[in-house]
Amino acid sequence: MKNLIQIVIASRNVHKIREYREIFRSISDFDILSLLDFPEYVPLKEEGKSFKENAVNKAVFAAKTLNKLVIGDDSGLVVPSLNGKPGIYSSRYAGENASDSDNRKKLLQEMEGFEGDKRRDYCESCIALASAEGLKNSSCATCEGMILKEGRGGGGFGYDPLFVKHEYSKTFAELDSSIKNKISHRRKALDKIMPYLEVLTV
């Protein structure tokens, strides 16, 4: 029986981990773990100035510490009319211990009165792949859309109930996860490094 190649998702966010597992589900040659499988691990403090820098730092540090193949991910929402906010602070926009609901509420308050193109935004995801020897590959991708004035849908996480991708009528929180995981910024970024991962299984 062929041994599966292990990849650790450098996150304890159960929603993000679930998305990765679903995306990888069709690739039988990988065993997807997360930081939940390493309770003693102490993550690197997030101090990067960009999504890519944070993703690379997470991946390289975790890979060296755990001696595993690791995917580091940093993603968030960018609203040009708010000068790029929430950006890299998306998960803690309303404070260090803010909930997703708190962050969405703050965003809606800051966008109150915004109409039309001022509600345009994009989700960005940067993914880095590292081994104990160092960084192997990295990629970034975006998904453009609009921010609604109120949330819709009970799926997804983060800003998903507010985000509608261009050419779609449903929010990411309303879409079936199988559809979201085909069109999301995270999937697009992962697709860019997939050729490297596929070489590992040969």
C-alpha atoms as a PDB file:
ATOM      1  CA  MET A   1       0.000   0.000   0.000  1.00  0.00           C
ATOM      2  CA  LYS A   2       1.340   3.415  -1.005  1.00  0.00           C
ATOM      3  CA  ASN A   3       2.208   5.759   1.850  1.00  0.00           C
ATOM      4  CA  LEU A   4       0.395   9.069   1.569  1.00  0.00           C
ATOM      5  CA  ILE A   5       2.453  12.259   1.524  1.00  0.00           C
ATOM      6  CA  GLN A   6       1.607  14.384   4.549  1.00  0.00           C
ATOM      7  CA  ILE A   7       0.949  18.092   4.205  1.00  0.00           C
ATOM      8  CA  VAL A   8       0.331  20.229   7.271  1.00  0.00           C
ATOM      9  CA  ILE A   9      -1.950  23.261   6.942  1.00  0.00           C
ATOM     10  CA  ALA A  10      -0.357  25.846   9.239  1.00  0.00           C
ATOM     11  CA  SER A  11      -3.644  26.885  10.835  1.00  0.00           C
ATOM     12  CA  ARG A  12      -5.966  26.085  13.704  1.00  0.00           C
ATOM     13  CA  ASN A  13      -8.916  27.758  12.001  1.00  0.00           C
ATOM     14  CA  VAL A  14     -11.346  24.857  11.647  1.00  0.00           C
ATOM     15  CA  HIS A  15     -13.200  26.541   8.771  1.00  0.00           C
ATOM     16  CA  LYS A  16     -10.030  27.114   6.762  1.00  0.00           C
ATOM     17  CA  ILE A  17      -8.840  23.560   7.473  1.00  0.00           C
ATOM     18  CA  ARG A  18     -12.187  22.184   6.286  1.00  0.00           C
ATOM     19  CA  GLU A  19     -11.890  24.124   3.035  1.00  0.00           C
ATOM     20  CA  TYR A  20      -8.428  22.727   2.394  1.00  0.00           C
ATOM     21  CA  ARG A  21      -9.581  19.187   3.099  1.00  0.00           C
ATOM     22  CA  GLU A  22     -12.474  19.601   0.662  1.00  0.00           C
ATOM     23  CA  ILE A  23     -10.244  21.058  -2.039  1.00  0.00           C
ATOM     24  CA  PHE A  24      -7.712  18.253  -1.629  1.00  0.00           C
ATOM     25  CA  ARG A  25     -10.373  15.557  -1.415  1.00  0.00           C
ATOM     26  CA  SER A  26      -9.987  14.576  -5.058  1.00  0.00           C
ATOM     27  CA  ILE A  27      -6.207  14.202  -4.646  1.00  0.00           C
ATOM     28  CA  SER A  28      -5.799  10.836  -2.944  1.00  0.00           C
ATOM     29  CA  ASP A  29      -2.030  11.020  -2.638  1.00  0.00           C
ATOM     30  CA  PHE A  30      -1.997  13.509   0.233  1.00  0.00           C
ATOM     31  CA  ASP A  31      -2.744  13.164   3.928  1.00  0.00           C
ATOM     32  CA  ILE A  32      -3.901  16.581   5.132  1.00  0.00           C
ATOM     33  CA  LEU A  33      -3.022  17.514   8.705  1.00  0.00           C
ATOM     34  CA  SER A  34      -3.243  20.835  10.535  1.00  0.00           C
ATOM     35  CA  LEU A  35      -1.817  22.524  13.601  1.00  0.00           C
ATOM     36  CA  LEU A  36      -4.683  20.938  15.536  1.00  0.00           C
ATOM     37  CA  ASP A  37      -2.678  17.711  15.204  1.00  0.00           C
ATOM     38  CA  PHE A  38       0.272  19.369  16.969  1.00  0.00           C
ATOM     39  CA  PRO A  39      -1.165  20.889  20.174  1.00  0.00           C
ATOM     40  CA  GLU A  40       2.277  21.714  21.589  1.00  0.00           C
ATOM     41  CA  TYR A  41       3.252  23.805  18.567  1.00  0.00           C
ATOM     42  CA  VAL A  42       3.522  27.563  19.201  1.00  0.00           C
ATOM     43  CA  PRO A  43       2.814  29.517  15.987  1.00  0.00           C
ATOM     44  CA  LEU A  44       5.031  32.354  14.834  1.00  0.00           C
ATOM     45  CA  LYS A  45       3.610  35.781  15.659  1.00  0.00           C
ATOM     46  CA  GLU A  46       2.030  37.317  12.575  1.00  0.00           C
ATOM     47  CA  GLU A  47       4.095  40.418  11.801  1.00  0.00           C
ATOM     48  CA  GLY A  48       4.342  40.455   8.006  1.00  0.00           C
ATOM     49  CA  LYS A  49       3.438  43.514   5.944  1.00  0.00           C
ATOM     50  CA  SER A  50       1.581  41.584   3.245  1.00  0.00           C
ATOM     51  CA  PHE A  51      -0.465  38.427   2.782  1.00  0.00           C
ATOM     52  CA  LYS A  52       2.459  36.803   0.969  1.00  0.00           C
ATOM     53  CA  GLU A  53       4.996  37.655   3.660  1.00  0.00           C
ATOM     54  CA  ASN A  54       2.719  36.245   6.366  1.00  0.00           C
ATOM     55  CA  ALA A  55       2.081  33.064   4.376  1.00  0.00           C
ATOM     56  CA  VAL A  56       5.787  32.478   3.734  1.00  0.00           C
ATOM     57  CA  ASN A  57       6.714  33.128   7.362  1.00  0.00           C
ATOM     58  CA  LYS A  58       4.046  30.722   8.618  1.00  0.00           C
ATOM     59  CA  ALA A  59       5.050  27.967   6.212  1.00  0.00           C
ATOM     60  CA  VAL A  60       8.818  28.192   6.697  1.00  0.00           C
ATOM     61  CA  PHE A  61       8.666  28.402  10.485  1.00  0.00           C
ATOM     62  CA  ALA A  62       6.190  25.533  10.858  1.00  0.00           C
ATOM     63  CA  ALA A  63       8.047  23.337   8.356  1.00  0.00           C
ATOM     64  CA  LYS A  64      11.353  23.734  10.167  1.00  0.00           C
ATOM     65  CA  THR A  65       9.784  23.303  13.597  1.00  0.00           C
ATOM     66  CA  LEU A  66       7.688  20.259  12.709  1.00  0.00           C
ATOM     67  CA  ASN A  67      10.036  18.811  10.079  1.00  0.00           C
ATOM     68  CA  LYS A  68       7.049  18.437   7.762  1.00  0.00           C
ATOM     69  CA  LEU A  69       5.831  19.660   4.387  1.00  0.00           C
ATOM     70  CA  VAL A  70       3.689  22.676   5.263  1.00  0.00           C
ATOM     71  CA  ILE A  71       1.263  25.027   3.561  1.00  0.00           C
ATOM     72  CA  GLY A  72       1.102  28.493   5.075  1.00  0.00           C
ATOM     73  CA  ASP A  73      -1.907  30.601   4.168  1.00  0.00           C
ATOM     74  CA  ASP A  74      -2.814  34.216   4.740  1.00  0.00           C
ATOM     75  CA  SER A  75      -5.914  35.696   3.249  1.00  0.00           C
ATOM     76  CA  GLY A  76      -8.383  38.474   3.743  1.00  0.00           C
ATOM     77  CA  LEU A  77     -10.659  41.122   2.311  1.00  0.00           C
ATOM     78  CA  VAL A  78      -9.435  44.289   0.582  1.00  0.00           C
ATOM     79  CA  VAL A  79     -11.755  47.262   0.044  1.00  0.00           C
ATOM     80  CA  PRO A  80     -10.093  49.910  -2.160  1.00  0.00           C
ATOM     81  CA  SER A  81     -12.523  52.626  -1.025  1.00  0.00           C
ATOM     82  CA  LEU A  82     -11.310  52.003   2.546  1.00  0.00           C
ATOM     83  CA  ASN A  83      -7.691  52.397   1.436  1.00  0.00           C
ATOM     84  CA  GLY A  84      -7.228  48.624   1.358  1.00  0.00           C
ATOM     85  CA  LYS A  85      -8.726  47.809   4.755  1.00  0.00           C
ATOM     86  CA  PRO A  86      -9.256  45.374   6.409  1.00  0.00           C
ATOM     87  CA  GLY A  87      -6.394  43.781   4.436  1.00  0.00           C
ATOM     88  CA  ILE A  88      -3.884  41.766   6.465  1.00  0.00           C
ATOM     89  CA  TYR A  89      -5.853  42.649   9.601  1.00  0.00           C
ATOM     90  CA  SER A  90      -9.042  40.997   8.293  1.00  0.00           C
ATOM     91  CA  SER A  91      -9.239  38.362  11.033  1.00  0.00           C
ATOM     92  CA  ARG A  92      -8.724  40.925  13.791  1.00  0.00           C
ATOM     93  CA  TYR A  93     -10.266  44.014  12.233  1.00  0.00           C
ATOM     94  CA  ALA A  94     -12.455  44.736  15.265  1.00  0.00           C
ATOM     95  CA  GLY A  95      -9.764  43.733  17.780  1.00  0.00           C
ATOM     96  CA  GLU A  96      -7.372  40.914  18.629  1.00  0.00           C
ATOM     97  CA  ASN A  97     -10.115  38.635  19.962  1.00  0.00           C
ATOM     98  CA  ALA A  98     -12.852  39.779  17.593  1.00  0.00           C
ATOM     99  CA  SER A  99     -15.332  37.266  16.195  1.00  0.00           C
ATOM    100  CA  ASP A 100     -16.228  37.038  12.517  1.00  0.00           C
ATOM    101  CA  SER A 101     -19.492  38.763  13.383  1.00  0.00           C
ATOM    102  CA  ASP A 102     -17.629  41.616  15.108  1.00  0.00           C
ATOM    103  CA  ASN A 103     -15.406  42.113  12.070  1.00  0.00           C
ATOM    104  CA  ARG A 104     -18.327  42.148   9.655  1.00  0.00           C
ATOM    105  CA  LYS A 105     -20.206  44.625  11.826  1.00  0.00           C
ATOM    106  CA  LYS A 106     -17.234  47.008  11.885  1.00  0.00           C
ATOM    107  CA  LEU A 107     -16.811  46.730   8.116  1.00  0.00           C
ATOM    108  CA  LEU A 108     -20.472  47.553   7.486  1.00  0.00           C
ATOM    109  CA  GLN A 109     -20.262  50.528   9.837  1.00  0.00           C
ATOM    110  CA  GLU A 110     -17.210  51.891   8.008  1.00  0.00           C
ATOM    111  CA  MET A 111     -18.909  51.410   4.625  1.00  0.00           C
ATOM    112  CA  GLU A 112     -22.179  53.019   5.671  1.00  0.00           C
ATOM    113  CA  GLY A 113     -23.323  55.340   2.910  1.00  0.00           C
ATOM    114  CA  PHE A 114     -21.058  53.737   0.283  1.00  0.00           C
ATOM    115  CA  GLU A 115     -22.877  53.038  -2.978  1.00  0.00           C
ATOM    116  CA  GLY A 116     -22.062  51.496  -6.343  1.00  0.00           C
ATOM    117  CA  ASP A 117     -18.397  51.102  -7.171  1.00  0.00           C
ATOM    118  CA  LYS A 118     -17.424  52.215  -3.676  1.00  0.00           C
ATOM    119  CA  ARG A 119     -18.630  48.804  -2.496  1.00  0.00           C
ATOM    120  CA  ARG A 120     -16.260  46.938  -4.828  1.00  0.00           C
ATOM    121  CA  ASP A 121     -13.715  44.736  -3.111  1.00  0.00           C
ATOM    122  CA  TYR A 122     -11.645  41.618  -3.547  1.00  0.00           C
ATOM    123  CA  CYS A 123     -10.607  38.648  -1.477  1.00  0.00           C
ATOM    124  CA  GLU A 124      -6.913  37.797  -1.654  1.00  0.00           C
ATOM    125  CA  SER A 125      -5.202  34.566  -0.692  1.00  0.00           C
ATOM    126  CA  CYS A 126      -1.485  33.884  -0.586  1.00  0.00           C
ATOM    127  CA  ILE A 127      -0.199  30.352  -0.126  1.00  0.00           C
ATOM    128  CA  ALA A 128       3.355  29.242   0.592  1.00  0.00           C
ATOM    129  CA  LEU A 129       4.694  25.698   0.509  1.00  0.00           C
ATOM    130  CA  ALA A 130       7.755  24.875   2.592  1.00  0.00           C
ATOM    131  CA  SER A 131       9.735  21.885   3.806  1.00  0.00           C
ATOM    132  CA  ALA A 132      12.303  21.648   6.584  1.00  0.00           C
ATOM    133  CA  GLU A 133      14.875  22.813   4.012  1.00  0.00           C
ATOM    134  CA  GLY A 134      13.018  26.044   3.315  1.00  0.00           C
ATOM    135  CA  LEU A 135      10.512  27.673   0.964  1.00  0.00           C
ATOM    136  CA  LYS A 136       9.525  25.575  -2.049  1.00  0.00           C
ATOM    137  CA  ASN A 137       6.867  27.628  -3.790  1.00  0.00           C
ATOM    138  CA  SER A 138       4.359  30.407  -3.232  1.00  0.00           C
ATOM    139  CA  SER A 139       1.435  32.002  -5.039  1.00  0.00           C
ATOM    140  CA  CYS A 140      -1.286  34.600  -4.615  1.00  0.00           C
ATOM    141  CA  ALA A 141      -4.704  35.017  -6.195  1.00  0.00           C
ATOM    142  CA  THR A 142      -7.710  37.283  -5.900  1.00  0.00           C
ATOM    143  CA  CYS A 143     -11.462  36.993  -6.273  1.00  0.00           C
ATOM    144  CA  GLU A 144     -13.266  40.240  -7.144  1.00  0.00           C
ATOM    145  CA  GLY A 145     -16.758  41.193  -6.074  1.00  0.00           C
ATOM    146  CA  MET A 146     -18.992  43.504  -4.054  1.00  0.00           C
ATOM    147  CA  ILE A 147     -19.810  43.984  -0.377  1.00  0.00           C
ATOM    148  CA  LEU A 148     -23.508  43.808   0.477  1.00  0.00           C
ATOM    149  CA  LYS A 149     -25.170  46.099   2.992  1.00  0.00           C
ATOM    150  CA  GLU A 150     -26.231  43.141   5.128  1.00  0.00           C
ATOM    151  CA  GLY A 151     -25.140  39.538   5.494  1.00  0.00           C
ATOM    152  CA  ARG A 152     -26.799  36.605   3.736  1.00  0.00           C
ATOM    153  CA  GLY A 153     -26.301  32.887   4.212  1.00  0.00           C
ATOM    154  CA  GLY A 154     -25.144  30.624   7.007  1.00  0.00           C
ATOM    155  CA  GLY A 155     -22.194  28.890   5.361  1.00  0.00           C
ATOM    156  CA  GLY A 156     -18.565  29.839   4.986  1.00  0.00           C
ATOM    157  CA  PHE A 157     -16.721  32.013   7.475  1.00  0.00           C
ATOM    158  CA  GLY A 158     -15.094  35.409   7.826  1.00  0.00           C
ATOM    159  CA  TYR A 159     -16.645  37.944   5.472  1.00  0.00           C
ATOM    160  CA  ASP A 160     -18.373  35.296   3.300  1.00  0.00           C
ATOM    161  CA  PRO A 161     -21.944  36.433   4.193  1.00  0.00           C
ATOM    162  CA  LEU A 162     -21.153  39.905   2.813  1.00  0.00           C
ATOM    163  CA  PHE A 163     -19.163  38.982  -0.291  1.00  0.00           C
ATOM    164  CA  VAL A 164     -20.743  38.409  -3.714  1.00  0.00           C
ATOM    165  CA  LYS A 165     -18.349  37.452  -6.489  1.00  0.00           C
ATOM    166  CA  HIS A 166     -18.818  39.199  -9.813  1.00  0.00           C
ATOM    167  CA  GLU A 167     -21.171  37.258 -12.127  1.00  0.00           C
ATOM    168  CA  TYR A 168     -22.781  35.483  -9.157  1.00  0.00           C
ATOM    169  CA  SER A 169     -25.982  36.357  -7.293  1.00  0.00           C
ATOM    170  CA  LYS A 170     -25.246  34.498  -4.064  1.00  0.00           C
ATOM    171  CA  THR A 171     -22.785  35.337  -1.318  1.00  0.00           C
ATOM    172  CA  PHE A 172     -19.937  32.941  -0.545  1.00  0.00           C
ATOM    173  CA  ALA A 173     -21.953  31.998   2.556  1.00  0.00           C
ATOM    174  CA  GLU A 174     -24.956  31.050   0.386  1.00  0.00           C
ATOM    175  CA  LEU A 175     -23.066  29.065  -2.241  1.00  0.00           C
ATOM    176  CA  ASP A 176     -22.636  25.337  -1.843  1.00  0.00           C
ATOM    177  CA  SER A 177     -19.096  24.712  -0.580  1.00  0.00           C
ATOM    178  CA  SER A 178     -18.318  22.616  -3.671  1.00  0.00           C
ATOM    179  CA  ILE A 179     -18.984  25.667  -5.849  1.00  0.00           C
ATOM    180  CA  LYS A 180     -17.171  28.120  -3.612  1.00  0.00           C
ATOM    181  CA  ASN A 181     -14.117  25.863  -3.510  1.00  0.00           C
ATOM    182  CA  LYS A 182     -13.909  25.883  -7.304  1.00  0.00           C
ATOM    183  CA  ILE A 183     -13.994  29.675  -7.716  1.00  0.00           C
ATOM    184  CA  SER A 184     -12.470  31.089  -4.534  1.00  0.00           C
ATOM    185  CA  HIS A 185      -9.249  33.030  -4.163  1.00  0.00           C
ATOM    186  CA  ARG A 186      -7.865  30.166  -2.044  1.00  0.00           C
ATOM    187  CA  ARG A 187      -8.558  27.594  -4.752  1.00  0.00           C
ATOM    188  CA  LYS A 188      -7.019  29.808  -7.441  1.00  0.00           C
ATOM    189  CA  ALA A 189      -3.845  30.297  -5.387  1.00  0.00           C
ATOM    190  CA  LEU A 190      -3.602  26.577  -4.600  1.00  0.00           C
ATOM    191  CA  ASP A 191      -4.048  25.674  -8.275  1.00  0.00           C
ATOM    192  CA  LYS A 192      -0.901  27.650  -9.054  1.00  0.00           C
ATOM    193  CA  ILE A 193       1.287  25.489  -6.799  1.00  0.00           C
ATOM    194  CA  MET A 194      -0.533  22.221  -7.550  1.00  0.00           C
ATOM    195  CA  PRO A 195       1.891  21.248 -10.358  1.00  0.00           C
ATOM    196  CA  TYR A 196       4.715  21.258  -7.798  1.00  0.00           C
ATOM    197  CA  LEU A 197       2.676  19.121  -5.386  1.00  0.00           C
ATOM    198  CA  GLU A 198       1.757  16.661  -8.126  1.00  0.00           C
ATOM    199  CA  VAL A 199       5.458  16.074  -8.868  1.00  0.00           C
ATOM    200  CA  LEU A 200       5.876  14.866  -5.287  1.00  0.00           C
ATOM    201  CA  THR A 201       3.406  12.047  -5.873  1.00  0.00           C
ATOM    202  CA  VAL A 202       5.149  10.643  -8.930  1.00  0.00           C
END
